[in-house]
Amino acid sequence: MAIVADAPKAGFRLSMLIYDTRYRSLTIQVIVMILFMGGVAWLVDNAIQNLQTLGKDFNFGFLWNRAGYDINQRLVEYSNDSTHARALLIGLLNTLLVAFLGCVAATIIGVFAGVLRLSKNWLVGRIMTVYVEVVRNVPLLLWILLTYAALTEALPPLADFRGDNPTSTMVLNNSMAFTNQYTVMPEPLFSRSLGNIDIGIFLISVDLLAIIAVIVGSVLANRAIKAHATRVQEATGDRPVTWWKSLMVTTLPLLALLLALGFHLGYPELGRFNFSGGTEISNSLMALWLALAIYTGAYIAEIVRAGIMAISHGQSEAAFALGLRPGRTMNLVVLPQALRVIIPPLISQYLNLTKNSSLAIAVGYMDLRGTLGGITLNQTGRELECMMLLMLIYLAISLGISAIMNVYNNSVKLKER
């Protein structure tokens, strides 16, 4: 009786790392990783040797030295006796401020321009086309300088507000003043404030935390009301009236909190040489914000237009057949579906706006580039440390924006069943 034995298994050979598809990809990854780590090691060693040649070391102790320079626009307390770390914090907050305001304004401008560019009105459509084409084809730096020059030249100097017969006056019942240096407006004050929390770096207003908590709670309660109305509609076919409940939930708690805190406005007053009280917004911030919003809004307009055109025209025709007007069709049918196309490229525009804010140095706005990457770098001579910190901070900001927008993108993308 013949017995058929199993074929002997081939042993492992080094040539299999290259010719066997089971191991080839792993081999390539290991080789690339070794080359990459070798390159990083060479760069680090080269940097250390160059620093030793210049008589320098690599440390971040300079951050705790006295800064010695002033910052005109700031969100937290700062003086020239503060440390470079404090100046870094001021620059970071200024960068985040202009990035947030710019993203909000650019989104509003871009959505309106993108929708209006598809308008059947020939004049409206051509005006939006001119806006998009002109703004996109001129460098952003020129728009920043042009906006700053317009604010500086068009607005009156402080001297025009003084004297017995001033040539310029405050507006909105003497509550705001526009000058060629800054804009001053009323500041929010609380007569029964809850105080501040000192976390060492800066003070956190308990009043602001309470207002944010009430707003978040109101939004969640409003969503719960709408979700309940949707369940009732799905069960009975009739949707209950919820507008008055939503209005009460979103307004009454906040109004009650503001009354409890004694909210009032502190109006600016013209002193001998300057305005006192109120909130000052420098023209450098205004110019940078407007230029970033207008410039990025032109790109967002094209993204919105492409997203709307990606939706089948049959969707609009079906909505019209049901009796919906064009405005309601755009808000309820077209734009919600277009978001799946709009959001991914919109993330890139938000990232570009945030990084383009580093051009603030052109108009004297002290952002992260102007503090850490500007005056601090020149005073301390710590080029490598400052540049590494600058790159890491911008990288962290960009990754944070991407993470937040990706979460939103996942919430609006098409759900497969």
Protein backbone atom coordinates (compact mmCIF):
# COMPACT_ATOMS: atom_id res chain seq x y z
CA MET A 1 0.00 0.00 0.00
CA ALA A 2 1.52 3.32 -1.10
CA ILE A 3 1.52 6.21 1.36
CA VAL A 4 1.57 9.78 -0.05
CA ALA A 5 3.45 12.10 2.31
CA ASP A 6 2.88 15.91 2.49
CA ALA A 7 5.31 17.99 0.46
CA PRO A 8 8.07 19.38 2.66
CA LYS A 9 7.61 23.03 3.54
CA ALA A 10 10.24 25.37 2.18
CA GLY A 11 12.37 27.09 4.83
CA PHE A 12 12.76 30.86 5.19
CA ARG A 13 15.43 32.39 2.99
CA LEU A 14 16.77 35.95 2.98
CA SER A 15 15.86 36.36 -0.66
CA MET A 16 12.20 36.05 0.34
CA LEU A 17 12.44 39.52 1.93
CA ILE A 18 12.70 40.93 -1.61
CA TYR A 19 10.99 38.45 -3.90
CA ASP A 20 8.18 37.15 -1.66
CA THR A 21 5.16 39.46 -1.66
CA ARG A 22 4.40 38.43 1.92
CA TYR A 23 7.56 40.13 3.19
CA ARG A 24 8.43 42.68 0.52
CA SER A 25 6.22 45.52 1.84
CA LEU A 26 7.59 45.04 5.36
CA THR A 27 11.15 45.13 4.04
CA ILE A 28 10.54 48.36 2.16
CA GLN A 29 8.99 49.99 5.26
CA VAL A 30 11.95 48.98 7.44
CA ILE A 31 14.45 50.36 4.91
CA VAL A 32 12.55 53.65 4.57
CA MET A 33 12.33 53.98 8.37
CA ILE A 34 16.07 53.38 8.76
CA LEU A 35 16.85 55.99 6.09
CA PHE A 36 14.45 58.48 7.68
CA MET A 37 15.87 58.01 11.18
CA GLY A 38 19.38 58.27 9.73
CA GLY A 39 18.50 61.57 8.09
CA VAL A 40 16.99 62.91 11.33
CA ALA A 41 20.06 61.82 13.29
CA TRP A 42 22.34 63.58 10.78
CA LEU A 43 20.34 66.80 11.02
CA VAL A 44 20.35 66.73 14.83
CA ASP A 45 24.08 66.00 14.99
CA ASN A 46 24.82 68.72 12.46
CA ALA A 47 22.73 71.23 14.44
CA ILE A 48 24.50 70.31 17.71
CA GLN A 49 27.93 70.71 16.13
CA ASN A 50 27.02 74.08 14.61
CA LEU A 51 25.67 75.31 17.95
CA GLN A 52 28.86 74.22 19.70
CA THR A 53 30.91 76.05 17.08
CA LEU A 54 28.92 79.22 17.79
CA GLY A 55 29.26 78.70 21.53
CA LYS A 56 25.54 78.10 22.02
CA ASP A 57 23.55 75.36 23.70
CA PHE A 58 20.00 74.14 23.15
CA ASN A 59 17.57 75.12 25.93
CA PHE A 60 14.36 77.04 26.47
CA GLY A 61 15.38 78.91 29.60
CA PHE A 62 15.14 82.21 27.72
CA LEU A 63 11.34 81.95 27.91
CA TRP A 64 11.48 82.97 31.58
CA ASN A 65 13.61 86.07 30.99
CA ARG A 66 12.13 89.57 30.93
CA ALA A 67 10.61 90.40 27.54
CA GLY A 68 11.15 94.16 27.66
CA TYR A 69 8.74 95.12 24.87
CA ASP A 70 5.10 96.22 24.72
CA ILE A 71 2.18 94.61 22.89
CA ASN A 72 -0.64 96.95 21.89
CA GLN A 73 -3.44 94.42 21.34
CA ARG A 74 -3.84 91.75 24.04
CA LEU A 75 -6.55 89.63 25.61
CA VAL A 76 -4.89 89.06 29.02
CA GLU A 77 -2.70 91.18 31.26
CA TYR A 78 0.81 91.90 30.00
CA SER A 79 3.55 94.49 30.52
CA ASN A 80 7.11 94.89 29.29
CA ASP A 81 8.27 93.39 32.62
CA SER A 82 6.54 90.10 31.73
CA THR A 83 8.50 87.09 30.49
CA HIS A 84 9.00 85.92 26.94
CA ALA A 85 6.69 83.00 27.77
CA ARG A 86 3.98 85.52 28.61
CA ALA A 87 4.61 87.32 25.33
CA LEU A 88 4.35 83.95 23.55
CA LEU A 89 0.96 83.42 25.22
CA ILE A 90 -0.25 86.88 24.12
CA GLY A 91 0.85 86.17 20.55
CA LEU A 92 -0.84 82.78 20.57
CA LEU A 93 -4.12 84.24 21.83
CA ASN A 94 -3.95 87.00 19.22
CA THR A 95 -3.37 84.40 16.49
CA LEU A 96 -6.31 82.31 17.68
CA LEU A 97 -8.50 85.41 17.90
CA VAL A 98 -7.91 86.58 14.34
CA ALA A 99 -8.10 82.99 13.03
CA PHE A 100 -11.49 82.41 14.69
CA LEU A 101 -12.95 85.76 13.61
CA GLY A 102 -11.55 85.28 10.10
CA CYS A 103 -12.98 81.78 9.69
CA VAL A 104 -16.44 82.91 10.81
CA ALA A 105 -16.50 86.00 8.58
CA ALA A 106 -14.97 84.18 5.59
CA THR A 107 -17.57 81.41 5.86
CA ILE A 108 -20.44 83.91 5.89
CA ILE A 109 -19.00 85.87 2.96
CA GLY A 110 -18.15 82.72 1.00
CA VAL A 111 -21.58 81.11 1.42
CA PHE A 112 -23.42 84.25 0.32
CA ALA A 113 -21.07 84.90 -2.59
CA GLY A 114 -21.19 81.26 -3.73
CA VAL A 115 -24.99 81.16 -3.67
CA LEU A 116 -25.37 84.58 -5.31
CA ARG A 117 -22.93 83.66 -8.07
CA LEU A 118 -25.46 81.04 -9.20
CA SER A 119 -28.26 83.63 -9.17
CA LYS A 120 -30.39 83.92 -12.29
CA ASN A 121 -30.07 87.69 -11.98
CA TRP A 122 -27.37 88.54 -14.51
CA LEU A 123 -26.08 91.62 -12.64
CA VAL A 124 -25.83 89.87 -9.26
CA GLY A 125 -24.06 86.88 -10.79
CA ARG A 126 -21.54 89.08 -12.66
CA ILE A 127 -20.77 91.16 -9.56
CA MET A 128 -19.98 88.03 -7.56
CA THR A 129 -17.84 86.72 -10.43
CA VAL A 130 -15.84 89.96 -10.48
CA TYR A 131 -15.40 89.77 -6.69
CA VAL A 132 -14.12 86.20 -6.81
CA GLU A 133 -11.78 86.67 -9.76
CA VAL A 134 -10.32 90.00 -8.62
CA VAL A 135 -9.75 89.04 -4.99
CA ARG A 136 -8.25 85.61 -5.71
CA ASN A 137 -5.75 86.94 -8.25
CA VAL A 138 -4.20 89.62 -6.04
CA PRO A 139 -1.72 88.53 -3.32
CA LEU A 140 -3.10 88.49 0.21
CA LEU A 141 -0.32 90.73 1.52
CA LEU A 142 -1.42 93.51 -0.83
CA TRP A 143 -5.01 93.23 0.40
CA ILE A 144 -3.81 93.48 4.02
CA LEU A 145 -1.74 96.58 3.27
CA LEU A 146 -4.54 98.13 1.20
CA THR A 147 -7.12 97.56 3.94
CA TYR A 148 -4.80 98.98 6.59
CA ALA A 149 -4.05 102.03 4.45
CA ALA A 150 -7.76 102.59 3.83
CA LEU A 151 -8.55 102.49 7.55
CA THR A 152 -5.63 104.78 8.38
CA GLU A 153 -6.34 107.37 5.72
CA ALA A 154 -10.15 107.34 5.74
CA LEU A 155 -10.73 107.56 9.49
CA PRO A 156 -10.15 110.78 11.47
CA PRO A 157 -7.21 111.23 13.88
CA LEU A 158 -7.72 111.54 17.63
CA ALA A 159 -7.09 115.29 17.46
CA ASP A 160 -10.34 115.75 15.51
CA PHE A 161 -12.35 114.55 18.52
CA ARG A 162 -10.87 117.12 20.92
CA GLY A 163 -11.46 120.82 21.32
CA ASP A 164 -14.48 123.04 21.69
CA ASN A 165 -15.53 122.52 18.07
CA PRO A 166 -14.47 118.96 17.18
CA THR A 167 -14.64 118.02 13.52
CA SER A 168 -15.41 114.36 14.38
CA THR A 169 -17.79 112.94 16.98
CA MET A 170 -18.67 109.60 18.44
CA VAL A 171 -21.50 107.60 16.86
CA LEU A 172 -24.37 105.42 18.10
CA ASN A 173 -25.37 107.74 20.92
CA ASN A 174 -21.75 108.50 21.84
CA SER A 175 -20.91 104.84 22.39
CA MET A 176 -18.39 104.20 19.60
CA ALA A 177 -15.57 106.09 17.95
CA PHE A 178 -13.63 105.22 14.80
CA THR A 179 -10.14 106.72 14.64
CA ASN A 180 -7.13 106.18 12.39
CA GLN A 181 -5.41 104.29 15.23
CA TYR A 182 -8.13 102.14 16.74
CA THR A 183 -11.86 101.65 17.21
CA VAL A 184 -13.27 102.06 20.70
CA MET A 185 -16.60 100.53 21.72
CA PRO A 186 -18.51 99.75 24.94
CA GLU A 187 -17.16 96.98 27.14
CA PRO A 188 -19.33 94.45 29.03
CA LEU A 189 -19.27 94.91 32.81
CA PHE A 190 -20.89 93.08 35.73
CA SER A 191 -21.83 94.85 38.95
CA ARG A 192 -22.30 91.52 40.78
CA SER A 193 -19.40 89.62 39.28
CA LEU A 194 -18.60 86.06 40.40
CA GLY A 195 -14.86 86.81 40.29
CA ASN A 196 -11.99 85.11 38.51
CA ILE A 197 -10.08 81.84 38.74
CA ASP A 198 -6.30 82.21 38.81
CA ILE A 199 -4.71 79.28 36.94
CA GLY A 200 -1.24 80.80 37.09
CA ILE A 201 -0.99 81.69 33.40
CA PHE A 202 -3.94 84.06 33.34
CA LEU A 203 -7.27 84.71 35.05
CA ILE A 204 -10.42 82.95 33.86
CA SER A 205 -13.64 84.89 34.36
CA VAL A 206 -16.26 82.87 36.23
CA ASP A 207 -18.90 85.12 34.65
CA LEU A 208 -17.76 84.06 31.18
CA LEU A 209 -17.76 80.39 32.18
CA ALA A 210 -21.31 80.74 33.53
CA ILE A 211 -22.49 82.42 30.32
CA ILE A 212 -20.89 79.69 28.17
CA ALA A 213 -22.47 76.97 30.34
CA VAL A 214 -25.93 78.56 30.03
CA ILE A 215 -25.57 78.94 26.24
CA VAL A 216 -24.46 75.31 25.85
CA GLY A 217 -27.33 74.13 28.06
CA SER A 218 -29.82 76.20 26.04
CA VAL A 219 -28.55 74.75 22.76
CA LEU A 220 -28.81 71.19 24.10
CA ALA A 221 -32.32 71.85 25.44
CA ASN A 222 -33.38 73.31 22.08
CA ARG A 223 -32.04 70.23 20.29
CA ALA A 224 -34.00 68.00 22.69
CA ILE A 225 -37.18 69.96 21.93
CA LYS A 226 -36.68 69.59 18.18
CA ALA A 227 -35.85 65.90 18.52
CA HIS A 228 -39.06 65.34 20.49
CA ALA A 229 -41.06 67.20 17.84
CA THR A 230 -39.50 65.00 15.15
CA ARG A 231 -40.47 61.82 17.03
CA VAL A 232 -44.03 63.09 17.40
CA GLN A 233 -44.16 63.92 13.69
CA GLU A 234 -42.90 60.46 12.72
CA ALA A 235 -45.48 58.81 15.00
CA THR A 236 -48.54 60.94 14.22
CA GLY A 237 -47.74 62.78 10.99
CA ASP A 238 -48.28 66.17 12.64
CA ARG A 239 -45.36 68.27 13.86
CA PRO A 240 -46.08 70.24 17.04
CA VAL A 241 -45.35 73.95 17.19
CA THR A 242 -41.97 74.44 18.87
CA TRP A 243 -40.82 77.96 17.93
CA TRP A 244 -42.04 79.54 21.15
CA LYS A 245 -40.40 76.84 23.26
CA SER A 246 -37.13 77.25 21.39
CA LEU A 247 -37.31 81.03 21.82
CA MET A 248 -37.88 80.74 25.55
CA VAL A 249 -35.16 78.13 26.08
CA THR A 250 -32.52 80.08 24.13
CA THR A 251 -33.24 83.55 25.54
CA LEU A 252 -34.78 83.43 29.04
CA PRO A 253 -31.94 81.55 30.86
CA LEU A 254 -29.29 83.85 29.41
CA LEU A 255 -31.30 86.98 30.21
CA ALA A 256 -31.89 85.75 33.76
CA LEU A 257 -28.17 85.12 34.24
CA LEU A 258 -27.21 88.55 32.87
CA LEU A 259 -29.72 90.24 35.19
CA ALA A 260 -28.40 88.25 38.15
CA LEU A 261 -24.82 89.29 37.35
CA GLY A 262 -25.81 92.94 36.92
CA PHE A 263 -24.74 93.18 33.30
CA HIS A 264 -24.22 96.67 31.90
CA LEU A 265 -22.07 98.42 29.32
CA GLY A 266 -19.12 100.62 30.13
CA TYR A 267 -19.03 103.45 27.60
CA PRO A 268 -15.77 105.07 26.47
CA GLU A 269 -15.09 108.68 27.39
CA LEU A 270 -12.78 111.12 25.68
CA GLY A 271 -9.98 112.23 27.97
CA ARG A 272 -7.34 114.89 27.52
CA PHE A 273 -5.17 112.86 25.16
CA ASN A 274 -7.03 109.61 24.55
CA PHE A 275 -10.21 107.65 25.16
CA SER A 276 -10.64 106.01 28.55
CA GLY A 277 -12.82 103.01 29.26
CA GLY A 278 -14.43 100.79 26.69
CA THR A 279 -12.75 98.20 24.50
CA GLU A 280 -10.09 99.25 22.01
CA ILE A 281 -9.64 97.31 18.75
CA SER A 282 -6.53 98.32 16.84
CA ASN A 283 -6.75 99.06 13.14
CA SER A 284 -4.07 96.44 12.54
CA LEU A 285 -6.44 93.76 13.87
CA MET A 286 -9.35 95.16 11.88
CA ALA A 287 -7.31 95.32 8.66
CA LEU A 288 -5.93 91.81 9.08
CA TRP A 289 -9.36 90.37 9.92
CA LEU A 290 -11.14 92.06 6.99
CA ALA A 291 -8.42 91.16 4.48
CA LEU A 292 -8.28 87.50 5.58
CA ALA A 293 -12.08 87.21 5.54
CA ILE A 294 -12.51 88.82 2.11
CA TYR A 295 -9.60 86.92 0.55
CA THR A 296 -10.51 83.48 1.95
CA GLY A 297 -14.21 84.15 1.33
CA ALA A 298 -13.51 84.28 -2.41
CA TYR A 299 -12.09 80.74 -2.32
CA ILE A 300 -14.93 79.50 -0.13
CA ALA A 301 -17.40 80.99 -2.61
CA GLU A 302 -16.01 78.75 -5.35
CA ILE A 303 -16.16 75.74 -3.01
CA VAL A 304 -19.80 76.48 -2.18
CA ARG A 305 -20.66 76.99 -5.86
CA ALA A 306 -19.06 73.66 -6.78
CA GLY A 307 -20.87 71.92 -3.92
CA ILE A 308 -24.24 73.27 -5.02
CA MET A 309 -23.64 72.35 -8.66
CA ALA A 310 -22.74 68.80 -7.57
CA ILE A 311 -26.32 68.27 -6.36
CA SER A 312 -28.68 66.89 -8.97
CA HIS A 313 -31.01 69.51 -10.44
CA GLY A 314 -33.84 67.05 -9.89
CA GLN A 315 -33.64 67.75 -6.15
CA SER A 316 -34.56 71.39 -6.73
CA GLU A 317 -37.29 70.48 -9.23
CA ALA A 318 -38.83 68.05 -6.76
CA ALA A 319 -38.80 70.74 -4.06
CA PHE A 320 -40.42 73.24 -6.42
CA ALA A 321 -43.07 70.65 -7.28
CA LEU A 322 -43.89 70.39 -3.57
CA GLY A 323 -44.44 74.14 -3.42
CA LEU A 324 -41.18 75.22 -1.77
CA ARG A 325 -39.85 78.62 -2.72
CA PRO A 326 -36.29 78.98 -4.08
CA GLY A 327 -34.92 80.31 -0.79
CA ARG A 328 -36.41 77.48 1.26
CA THR A 329 -35.28 74.96 -1.34
CA MET A 330 -31.69 76.19 -1.05
CA ASN A 331 -31.73 76.14 2.77
CA LEU A 332 -33.62 72.88 3.32
CA VAL A 333 -32.76 70.72 0.31
CA VAL A 334 -29.66 71.82 -1.60
CA LEU A 335 -27.21 73.18 1.00
CA PRO A 336 -27.58 70.28 3.50
CA GLN A 337 -26.63 67.83 0.74
CA ALA A 338 -23.92 70.11 -0.62
CA LEU A 339 -22.18 70.16 2.78
CA ARG A 340 -20.82 66.67 2.09
CA VAL A 341 -18.94 68.12 -0.85
CA ILE A 342 -18.12 71.48 0.73
CA ILE A 343 -16.67 70.48 4.11
CA PRO A 344 -13.44 68.65 3.03
CA PRO A 345 -12.01 71.54 0.92
CA LEU A 346 -13.38 74.02 3.48
CA ILE A 347 -11.04 72.53 6.09
CA SER A 348 -8.07 73.39 3.87
CA GLN A 349 -9.24 77.00 3.60
CA TYR A 350 -9.52 77.30 7.38
CA LEU A 351 -5.98 75.97 7.70
CA ASN A 352 -4.72 78.39 5.06
CA LEU A 353 -6.40 81.34 6.79
CA THR A 354 -4.85 80.40 10.12
CA LYS A 355 -1.36 80.15 8.63
CA ASN A 356 -1.84 83.27 6.51
CA SER A 357 -2.47 85.22 9.71
CA SER A 358 1.32 85.18 10.15
CA LEU A 359 1.35 88.08 7.63
CA ALA A 360 0.10 90.24 10.53
CA ILE A 361 3.64 91.52 11.03
CA ALA A 362 3.14 93.65 7.91
CA VAL A 363 0.64 95.90 9.75
CA GLY A 364 2.13 95.66 13.23
CA TYR A 365 -0.36 93.21 14.72
CA MET A 366 1.53 91.22 17.35
CA ASP A 367 0.53 87.64 16.73
CA LEU A 368 2.62 84.52 17.33
CA ARG A 369 4.89 85.38 14.41
CA GLY A 370 5.44 88.91 15.70
CA THR A 371 6.19 87.93 19.32
CA LEU A 372 7.93 84.54 19.41
CA GLY A 373 9.15 84.58 15.81
CA GLY A 374 9.95 88.28 15.78
CA ILE A 375 11.01 90.37 18.76
CA THR A 376 11.73 87.45 21.11
CA LEU A 377 13.88 85.74 18.49
CA ASN A 378 15.86 88.93 17.77
CA GLN A 379 16.40 89.77 21.43
CA THR A 380 17.46 86.33 22.64
CA GLY A 381 19.27 85.03 19.57
CA ARG A 382 17.59 81.63 20.03
CA GLU A 383 16.71 81.09 16.39
CA LEU A 384 16.47 77.29 16.49
CA GLU A 385 14.39 77.13 19.65
CA CYS A 386 12.01 79.88 18.52
CA MET A 387 11.50 78.37 15.07
CA MET A 388 10.88 74.91 16.51
CA LEU A 389 8.33 76.27 18.98
CA LEU A 390 6.69 78.30 16.21
CA MET A 391 6.39 75.27 13.94
CA LEU A 392 5.08 73.00 16.69
CA ILE A 393 2.45 75.53 17.79
CA TYR A 394 1.20 76.12 14.24
CA LEU A 395 1.17 72.36 13.71
CA ALA A 396 -0.88 71.84 16.87
CA ILE A 397 -3.36 74.56 15.86
CA SER A 398 -3.75 73.09 12.37
CA LEU A 399 -4.25 69.56 13.69
CA GLY A 400 -6.83 70.85 16.17
CA ILE A 401 -8.80 72.61 13.43
CA SER A 402 -8.63 69.50 11.24
CA ALA A 403 -9.84 67.27 14.09
CA ILE A 404 -12.81 69.52 14.90
CA MET A 405 -13.85 69.87 11.26
CA ASN A 406 -13.44 66.14 10.62
CA VAL A 407 -15.81 65.41 13.50
CA TYR A 408 -18.35 67.75 11.90
CA ASN A 409 -17.71 66.22 8.49
CA ASN A 410 -18.48 62.76 9.87
CA SER A 411 -21.74 64.05 11.32
CA VAL A 412 -23.03 65.39 7.98
CA LYS A 413 -21.71 62.73 5.60
CA LEU A 414 -24.09 60.26 4.00
CA LYS A 415 -24.94 57.39 6.34
CA GLU A 416 -25.05 54.02 4.60
CA ARG A 417 -27.58 51.46 5.78
